[in-house]
Amino acid sequence: MIPADWIPHRRAQDGEVLGYLAPAGEGTRTPMTPFGHPAGEPADEDGARAVLDARGLAYLADPWLLELPGRAEPVTVRIVEVGPDRMRVANADHGYEEADLGHVFVLEVPEPGRLRPA
């Protein structure tokens, strides 16, 4: 669940949530993806909003690495869906034989610990 003190930032054209502004200290906010991963460095509110506007929803096309219990190497995944409480990522790792390509993992939001950019 997204913390109550995170401010949603929406795209002006259609109201789509591009991310959140998380408190980061006196007068600063950290721009966060919709699933709780930092999208940039802390800045004033306008600066944090500018980072989210510039990035848009491009994170959906990027490969990500997912840490799995009992596995030393992370698995490459693609984001399928992000909601306020959970997200779905699909296996895109040809070397991960324990699950078929496209296998969906469901993660809680925010998910700052097991998921990172590839």
N, C-alpha and C. Protein backbone atom coordinates (compact mmCIF):
# COMPACT_ATOMS: atom_id res chain seq x y z
N MET A 1 0.85 -1.17 0.00
CA MET A 1 0.00 0.00 0.00
C MET A 1 0.90 1.24 0.00
N ILE A 2 0.60 2.16 -0.86
CA ILE A 2 1.35 3.42 -0.94
C ILE A 2 1.12 4.20 0.36
N PRO A 3 2.19 4.69 0.98
CA PRO A 3 2.04 5.46 2.22
C PRO A 3 1.15 6.70 2.03
N ALA A 4 0.40 7.03 3.04
CA ALA A 4 -0.55 8.14 2.98
C ALA A 4 0.12 9.49 2.75
N ASP A 5 1.40 9.63 3.12
CA ASP A 5 2.05 10.93 2.96
C ASP A 5 2.74 11.08 1.59
N TRP A 6 2.57 10.10 0.70
CA TRP A 6 3.08 10.23 -0.67
C TRP A 6 2.02 10.95 -1.51
N ILE A 7 2.42 11.94 -2.25
CA ILE A 7 1.51 12.72 -3.08
C ILE A 7 1.50 12.14 -4.50
N PRO A 8 0.32 11.76 -5.02
CA PRO A 8 0.29 11.24 -6.39
C PRO A 8 0.58 12.37 -7.38
N HIS A 9 1.31 12.03 -8.45
CA HIS A 9 1.56 12.98 -9.54
C HIS A 9 0.96 12.39 -10.80
N ARG A 10 0.05 13.15 -11.41
CA ARG A 10 -0.69 12.66 -12.57
C ARG A 10 -0.27 13.37 -13.85
N ARG A 11 -0.33 12.65 -14.95
CA ARG A 11 -0.06 13.23 -16.26
C ARG A 11 -1.19 14.20 -16.59
N ALA A 12 -0.83 15.39 -17.05
CA ALA A 12 -1.81 16.44 -17.31
C ALA A 12 -2.83 16.05 -18.38
N GLN A 13 -2.41 15.32 -19.40
CA GLN A 13 -3.28 15.00 -20.53
C GLN A 13 -4.45 14.09 -20.17
N ASP A 14 -4.21 13.09 -19.31
CA ASP A 14 -5.26 12.11 -19.06
C ASP A 14 -5.44 11.70 -17.60
N GLY A 15 -4.65 12.28 -16.71
CA GLY A 15 -4.81 11.97 -15.29
C GLY A 15 -4.14 10.68 -14.84
N GLU A 16 -3.42 10.00 -15.75
CA GLU A 16 -2.71 8.76 -15.40
C GLU A 16 -1.66 9.05 -14.33
N VAL A 17 -1.59 8.21 -13.30
CA VAL A 17 -0.58 8.38 -12.25
C VAL A 17 0.79 8.02 -12.81
N LEU A 18 1.70 8.99 -12.83
CA LEU A 18 3.06 8.76 -13.30
C LEU A 18 3.97 8.33 -12.16
N GLY A 19 3.57 8.63 -10.95
CA GLY A 19 4.38 8.29 -9.79
C GLY A 19 3.92 9.05 -8.57
N TYR A 20 4.79 9.09 -7.58
CA TYR A 20 4.47 9.73 -6.31
C TYR A 20 5.62 10.61 -5.86
N LEU A 21 5.31 11.55 -5.01
CA LEU A 21 6.30 12.41 -4.38
C LEU A 21 6.37 12.02 -2.91
N ALA A 22 7.47 11.39 -2.52
CA ALA A 22 7.64 10.91 -1.15
C ALA A 22 8.43 11.93 -0.35
N PRO A 23 8.04 12.18 0.91
CA PRO A 23 8.80 13.11 1.74
C PRO A 23 10.25 12.67 1.86
N ALA A 24 11.16 13.65 1.76
CA ALA A 24 12.59 13.32 1.81
C ALA A 24 13.35 14.25 2.75
N GLY A 25 12.66 15.06 3.48
CA GLY A 25 13.33 16.00 4.37
C GLY A 25 12.75 17.39 4.20
N GLU A 26 13.32 18.32 4.87
CA GLU A 26 12.83 19.70 4.89
C GLU A 26 12.66 20.26 3.48
N GLY A 27 11.41 20.39 3.03
CA GLY A 27 11.10 21.01 1.75
C GLY A 27 11.48 20.20 0.52
N THR A 28 11.82 18.92 0.69
CA THR A 28 12.18 18.12 -0.47
C THR A 28 11.29 16.88 -0.59
N ARG A 29 11.20 16.39 -1.80
CA ARG A 29 10.43 15.18 -2.10
C ARG A 29 11.27 14.32 -3.05
N THR A 30 11.11 13.01 -2.91
CA THR A 30 11.77 12.08 -3.82
C THR A 30 10.74 11.60 -4.83
N PRO A 31 11.03 11.73 -6.14
CA PRO A 31 10.09 11.19 -7.14
C PRO A 31 10.17 9.67 -7.11
N MET A 32 9.02 9.01 -7.05
CA MET A 32 8.94 7.56 -6.95
C MET A 32 8.07 7.02 -8.08
N THR A 33 8.43 5.84 -8.61
CA THR A 33 7.58 5.17 -9.59
C THR A 33 6.27 4.77 -8.90
N PRO A 34 5.26 4.38 -9.66
CA PRO A 34 4.01 3.93 -9.05
C PRO A 34 4.16 2.69 -8.17
N PHE A 35 5.31 2.00 -8.27
CA PHE A 35 5.51 0.82 -7.43
C PHE A 35 6.57 1.05 -6.36
N GLY A 36 6.92 2.31 -6.10
CA GLY A 36 7.75 2.64 -4.94
C GLY A 36 9.24 2.61 -5.16
N HIS A 37 9.71 2.63 -6.39
CA HIS A 37 11.15 2.66 -6.67
C HIS A 37 11.55 4.11 -6.93
N PRO A 38 12.64 4.59 -6.33
CA PRO A 38 13.06 5.98 -6.59
C PRO A 38 13.30 6.22 -8.08
N ALA A 39 12.75 7.31 -8.60
CA ALA A 39 12.90 7.66 -10.00
C ALA A 39 13.92 8.78 -10.19
N GLY A 40 14.44 9.28 -9.08
CA GLY A 40 15.42 10.36 -9.14
C GLY A 40 15.84 10.76 -7.74
N GLU A 41 16.66 11.77 -7.67
CA GLU A 41 17.16 12.27 -6.40
C GLU A 41 16.13 13.20 -5.75
N PRO A 42 16.17 13.36 -4.42
CA PRO A 42 15.29 14.32 -3.76
C PRO A 42 15.48 15.73 -4.32
N ALA A 43 14.38 16.45 -4.42
CA ALA A 43 14.39 17.82 -4.94
C ALA A 43 13.20 18.56 -4.35
N ASP A 44 13.09 19.85 -4.68
CA ASP A 44 11.88 20.54 -4.25
C ASP A 44 10.71 19.93 -5.03
N GLU A 45 9.49 20.25 -4.65
CA GLU A 45 8.33 19.58 -5.25
C GLU A 45 8.27 19.77 -6.76
N ASP A 46 8.53 20.97 -7.24
CA ASP A 46 8.50 21.21 -8.69
C ASP A 46 9.55 20.37 -9.40
N GLY A 47 10.75 20.28 -8.84
CA GLY A 47 11.81 19.48 -9.43
C GLY A 47 11.47 18.00 -9.47
N ALA A 48 10.88 17.50 -8.39
CA ALA A 48 10.48 16.09 -8.33
C ALA A 48 9.38 15.80 -9.35
N ARG A 49 8.44 16.73 -9.49
CA ARG A 49 7.38 16.56 -10.50
C ARG A 49 7.97 16.56 -11.91
N ALA A 50 8.96 17.41 -12.16
CA ALA A 50 9.60 17.49 -13.48
C ALA A 50 10.27 16.16 -13.83
N VAL A 51 10.87 15.50 -12.85
CA VAL A 51 11.50 14.20 -13.09
C VAL A 51 10.44 13.19 -13.54
N LEU A 52 9.32 13.15 -12.84
CA LEU A 52 8.25 12.21 -13.20
C LEU A 52 7.65 12.54 -14.56
N ASP A 53 7.48 13.82 -14.87
CA ASP A 53 6.96 14.21 -16.18
C ASP A 53 7.92 13.78 -17.29
N ALA A 54 9.20 13.97 -17.07
CA ALA A 54 10.20 13.63 -18.09
C ALA A 54 10.27 12.12 -18.32
N ARG A 55 10.12 11.35 -17.27
CA ARG A 55 10.22 9.89 -17.37
C ARG A 55 8.94 9.27 -17.90
N GLY A 56 7.80 9.87 -17.56
CA GLY A 56 6.52 9.33 -18.01
C GLY A 56 6.33 7.89 -17.57
N LEU A 57 5.81 7.08 -18.44
CA LEU A 57 5.59 5.67 -18.15
C LEU A 57 6.62 4.78 -18.85
N ALA A 58 7.77 5.35 -19.20
CA ALA A 58 8.81 4.60 -19.92
C ALA A 58 9.31 3.41 -19.12
N TYR A 59 9.20 3.44 -17.81
CA TYR A 59 9.66 2.33 -16.98
C TYR A 59 8.95 1.03 -17.35
N LEU A 60 7.77 1.12 -17.95
CA LEU A 60 7.04 -0.09 -18.34
C LEU A 60 7.76 -0.87 -19.44
N ALA A 61 8.52 -0.18 -20.25
CA ALA A 61 9.24 -0.85 -21.35
C ALA A 61 10.62 -1.35 -20.94
N ASP A 62 11.11 -0.91 -19.81
CA ASP A 62 12.46 -1.26 -19.37
C ASP A 62 12.51 -2.66 -18.77
N PRO A 63 13.63 -3.37 -18.94
CA PRO A 63 13.82 -4.63 -18.20
C PRO A 63 14.17 -4.33 -16.75
N TRP A 64 13.73 -5.19 -15.85
CA TRP A 64 13.99 -5.07 -14.42
C TRP A 64 14.56 -6.38 -13.92
N LEU A 65 15.23 -6.33 -12.80
CA LEU A 65 15.77 -7.53 -12.16
C LEU A 65 15.00 -7.80 -10.87
N LEU A 66 14.56 -9.02 -10.71
CA LEU A 66 13.79 -9.43 -9.54
C LEU A 66 14.59 -10.45 -8.75
N GLU A 67 14.82 -10.16 -7.46
CA GLU A 67 15.47 -11.09 -6.54
C GLU A 67 14.42 -12.11 -6.10
N LEU A 68 14.78 -13.39 -6.18
CA LEU A 68 13.89 -14.47 -5.75
C LEU A 68 14.52 -15.23 -4.60
N PRO A 69 13.72 -15.66 -3.63
CA PRO A 69 14.25 -16.41 -2.50
C PRO A 69 14.97 -17.68 -2.98
N GLY A 70 16.14 -17.94 -2.41
CA GLY A 70 16.88 -19.15 -2.72
C GLY A 70 17.62 -19.13 -4.04
N ARG A 71 17.65 -18.00 -4.71
CA ARG A 71 18.35 -17.90 -5.99
C ARG A 71 19.38 -16.78 -5.91
N ALA A 72 20.64 -17.10 -6.23
CA ALA A 72 21.73 -16.12 -6.11
C ALA A 72 21.63 -15.04 -7.18
N GLU A 73 21.25 -15.41 -8.39
CA GLU A 73 21.16 -14.45 -9.49
C GLU A 73 19.74 -13.91 -9.62
N PRO A 74 19.59 -12.61 -9.84
CA PRO A 74 18.23 -12.09 -10.07
C PRO A 74 17.71 -12.54 -11.43
N VAL A 75 16.41 -12.50 -11.60
CA VAL A 75 15.72 -12.90 -12.82
C VAL A 75 15.30 -11.63 -13.56
N THR A 76 15.49 -11.62 -14.88
CA THR A 76 15.03 -10.49 -15.69
C THR A 76 13.53 -10.60 -15.87
N VAL A 77 12.82 -9.49 -15.61
CA VAL A 77 11.37 -9.45 -15.74
C VAL A 77 10.96 -8.17 -16.47
N ARG A 78 9.73 -8.17 -16.95
CA ARG A 78 9.10 -6.99 -17.55
C ARG A 78 7.84 -6.68 -16.75
N ILE A 79 7.57 -5.41 -16.57
CA ILE A 79 6.38 -5.01 -15.83
C ILE A 79 5.16 -5.21 -16.72
N VAL A 80 4.15 -5.87 -16.17
CA VAL A 80 2.92 -6.14 -16.89
C VAL A 80 1.82 -5.18 -16.44
N GLU A 81 1.72 -4.96 -15.13
CA GLU A 81 0.63 -4.14 -14.58
C GLU A 81 1.05 -3.59 -13.23
N VAL A 82 0.65 -2.35 -12.96
CA VAL A 82 0.92 -1.74 -11.67
C VAL A 82 -0.38 -1.14 -11.14
N GLY A 83 -0.73 -1.50 -9.92
CA GLY A 83 -1.88 -0.92 -9.24
C GLY A 83 -1.45 -0.33 -7.92
N PRO A 84 -2.36 0.26 -7.19
CA PRO A 84 -1.99 0.90 -5.92
C PRO A 84 -1.55 -0.08 -4.83
N ASP A 85 -1.95 -1.35 -4.92
CA ASP A 85 -1.63 -2.33 -3.88
C ASP A 85 -0.70 -3.45 -4.33
N ARG A 86 -0.68 -3.72 -5.64
CA ARG A 86 0.15 -4.81 -6.13
C ARG A 86 0.56 -4.54 -7.57
N MET A 87 1.58 -5.29 -7.99
CA MET A 87 2.02 -5.21 -9.38
C MET A 87 2.29 -6.61 -9.88
N ARG A 88 2.27 -6.75 -11.19
CA ARG A 88 2.56 -8.03 -11.82
C ARG A 88 3.74 -7.83 -12.76
N VAL A 89 4.71 -8.74 -12.67
CA VAL A 89 5.86 -8.74 -13.56
C VAL A 89 5.96 -10.11 -14.20
N ALA A 90 6.44 -10.15 -15.45
CA ALA A 90 6.52 -11.42 -16.18
C ALA A 90 7.98 -11.82 -16.38
N ASN A 91 8.25 -13.09 -16.24
CA ASN A 91 9.58 -13.63 -16.47
C ASN A 91 10.00 -13.38 -17.92
N ALA A 92 11.17 -12.76 -18.10
CA ALA A 92 11.73 -12.52 -19.43
C ALA A 92 13.15 -13.07 -19.49
N ASP A 93 13.47 -13.96 -18.57
CA ASP A 93 14.83 -14.48 -18.43
C ASP A 93 14.93 -15.88 -19.04
N HIS A 94 15.61 -15.99 -20.18
CA HIS A 94 15.75 -17.29 -20.85
C HIS A 94 16.57 -18.28 -20.02
N GLY A 95 17.38 -17.79 -19.10
CA GLY A 95 18.21 -18.66 -18.27
C GLY A 95 17.53 -19.14 -16.99
N TYR A 96 16.32 -18.66 -16.72
CA TYR A 96 15.61 -19.07 -15.51
C TYR A 96 14.67 -20.21 -15.88
N GLU A 97 15.10 -21.41 -15.62
CA GLU A 97 14.38 -22.60 -16.06
C GLU A 97 13.28 -23.05 -15.10
N GLU A 98 13.23 -22.46 -13.91
CA GLU A 98 12.23 -22.86 -12.92
C GLU A 98 10.83 -22.37 -13.27
N ALA A 99 10.73 -21.41 -14.21
CA ALA A 99 9.42 -20.89 -14.63
C ALA A 99 9.47 -20.60 -16.12
N ASP A 100 8.36 -20.81 -16.79
CA ASP A 100 8.28 -20.52 -18.22
C ASP A 100 8.44 -19.03 -18.48
N LEU A 101 8.91 -18.70 -19.69
CA LEU A 101 8.90 -17.30 -20.10
C LEU A 101 7.47 -16.79 -20.03
N GLY A 102 7.30 -15.61 -19.52
CA GLY A 102 5.96 -15.04 -19.37
C GLY A 102 5.29 -15.37 -18.04
N HIS A 103 5.89 -16.27 -17.26
CA HIS A 103 5.33 -16.58 -15.94
C HIS A 103 5.19 -15.28 -15.15
N VAL A 104 4.05 -15.09 -14.51
CA VAL A 104 3.77 -13.84 -13.80
C VAL A 104 4.04 -13.99 -12.31
N PHE A 105 4.79 -13.02 -11.78
CA PHE A 105 5.03 -12.91 -10.35
C PHE A 105 4.20 -11.73 -9.85
N VAL A 106 3.52 -11.89 -8.73
CA VAL A 106 2.73 -10.82 -8.14
C VAL A 106 3.50 -10.26 -6.95
N LEU A 107 3.71 -8.95 -6.94
CA LEU A 107 4.46 -8.27 -5.89
C LEU A 107 3.58 -7.23 -5.22
N GLU A 108 3.84 -6.99 -3.95
CA GLU A 108 3.12 -5.93 -3.25
C GLU A 108 3.70 -4.58 -3.61
N VAL A 109 2.89 -3.56 -3.53
CA VAL A 109 3.32 -2.17 -3.76
C VAL A 109 3.25 -1.44 -2.43
N PRO A 110 4.27 -0.67 -2.06
CA PRO A 110 5.50 -0.45 -2.84
C PRO A 110 6.44 -1.63 -2.75
N GLU A 111 7.27 -1.78 -3.78
CA GLU A 111 8.24 -2.88 -3.87
C GLU A 111 9.63 -2.31 -4.12
N PRO A 112 10.24 -1.72 -3.09
CA PRO A 112 11.57 -1.13 -3.29
C PRO A 112 12.72 -2.09 -3.05
N GLY A 113 12.46 -3.29 -2.51
CA GLY A 113 13.56 -4.14 -2.09
C GLY A 113 14.01 -5.20 -3.07
N ARG A 114 13.10 -5.91 -3.69
CA ARG A 114 13.46 -7.06 -4.54
C ARG A 114 13.59 -6.71 -6.00
N LEU A 115 13.12 -5.56 -6.41
CA LEU A 115 13.07 -5.18 -7.82
C LEU A 115 13.98 -3.99 -8.05
N ARG A 116 14.79 -4.06 -9.13
CA ARG A 116 15.67 -2.95 -9.46
C ARG A 116 15.85 -2.89 -10.98
N PRO A 117 16.24 -1.73 -11.50
CA PRO A 117 16.46 -1.64 -12.95
C PRO A 117 17.57 -2.59 -13.39
N ALA A 118 17.41 -3.15 -14.59
CA ALA A 118 18.41 -4.06 -15.14
C ALA A 118 19.61 -3.28 -15.67
